[in-house]
Amino acid sequence: MAERYWIETLGCPKNQVDSDKLVGTLTGDGFEAADSPEEADLVVVNTCAFIEAARQESIDTVLALSDTRRDGARLVVTGCMAERYGGELADALPEVDLVAPFGASLHEPAAPGRTPVTLGTKPAPVPAFDLLNLPRPHAAAPWAYVKVAEGCDRNCGFCAIPSFRGKQRSRPIASILDEVDQLGASDGSLAEVVLVAQDLSSFALDRSGGRVEPRLDGPAVGANRPIVDLVARVAARVRWTRLLYLYPSTLDDALVEAILATGVPYFDLSLQHVSRPLLKRMRRWGEGDRFLDRIRSIRGSEPTAAFRSSFIVGYPGESEEDHDHLLAWIDEAQLDWVGFFPFSNEAGTYAADLDGQVPDELVTERIRECTELQDGITARRREELIGTTVEVLVDAPGEARSYREAPEIDGIVTVPDHLPVGSFVEVVVVDADGPDLSAQVAGDGPVGGTAALAGTGSGRP
């Protein structure tokens, strides 16, 4: 009987792609999926290390799975915490059998009756593609994340990702398209591809030499041709193509037009704040008025475009004036979805040693004010859809999304249970409950119940 595995994935969609790669690799090694972690011979925790709260969740999850695993089961920790802390993490968690950074060749000594475990490829002298080029199983849902690059070339003051993920390494377009086909585009079962990367709009600029970094007071210049070409070619394979994490300076007209051409006018903008002095302290581009101008321009081309962003609250030096500026901007921008995150002081980052640290109590109060304001905006924008006809993709029995909702991040649309999973259906919105909608097929009876309320603050910086 084949040994069984369980993978617990924490963090962002990029981590989910890595876990899918692990599934493909473990399957190739002869493992089978377990129905629960308690039944697995191998338990893998794919961790997140972006901020302190994510690290604590990762540690809590590891300890909980250690307590519930069956006798003899192996516990492996991989992902961002393993990349960032390595041996330090192994020393701190004696419960773990192996701490495994991505890219390491992990052939455990095979005891009698045990299957050797391979989670990656042998490390190269320079950063490799981690798990990007490993096989991946057919998508289980009608949508899938596809990671197109690893690492990041930017130097944001709050972010430690480049220190353990390395410089940006973009994949060849041909390999990305092959993965899209393998996930289900070739047989028509894959309806939506969600492209992800740490800096998606700079895709392939690391290979083409085409990056142009704008001055803080200069024009938005992105040299986006590689990402524009990729979006068009993916969109030719699946009905919906969605992009997550767009750096504002590289969202030029060519990329906007490419996104609108996919039929999914959804813009996930990585803004982080709107105060220009604070953004300069963050080592970020732009300021609030410029962001508003871009949003207005997009709405001028497509009035029904949906927008998501995220903001860091309490970055060192954030003043009451900065906070008031953010509140006023949120009220004026009227974005569909916004996540708010407290500043996390990350060792080794530029911000770690900055003066002007904001007290935790004040950060909590500022996040409360931002969240209350945005919750009301999101609820109103959802209520405005009542009575309209929208096209939805059915993700699961009774659960669907329109182009306005990214999977696993935004609200959902409750639909009749009989609608086939993976189908596109036109429905009429009949109710709204916070971020979630209820809908029925035109001519059908009312939908039974409304969706449970989900927090509008989900997302990531």
Foldseek 3Di string as FASTA:
>chain_A
DAFEEEEAEDDDQVRVVLVLLQVLQVVVLRYHYDPDQQRGLEYEYAADDWFPVRVVVSVVVQVVSLVRHDPNRAYEYEHDCCLPQPPVVCVVCVSHPYYDYFAPAFFPPADVPRTTRGSYHHQDPDGDQRSLQGDGAAAPWLEGEHEFWWADDAAFQQGCRCVRGNHIDGDPLVSSVVNLVRNPLVVQSHAEYEYDYQALQQHCCVVVVPADDADLPGALDGSRVVSLVSLVVSLVRHLYYHYAEHEVSNCDPSNLVSNVVSVQLEEEYEDQFAPSVVCVVRVGHYHLVVVLVVLVVSCVVPVPHAYEYEHEFQQAPCDPVRLVVRQVSCLVSLHQFYAYHYRGQDPPGNSNPDHRGDDPVVRVVSNVSNQVSNLVSNQVVVVVQAFPKFKWAAGAQQWTDGSNDDPPFFEIEGEHRPDDHGDIAIWGWHDTDRRYTYTYHPPDDGDDDTDDDDRRNGDDD
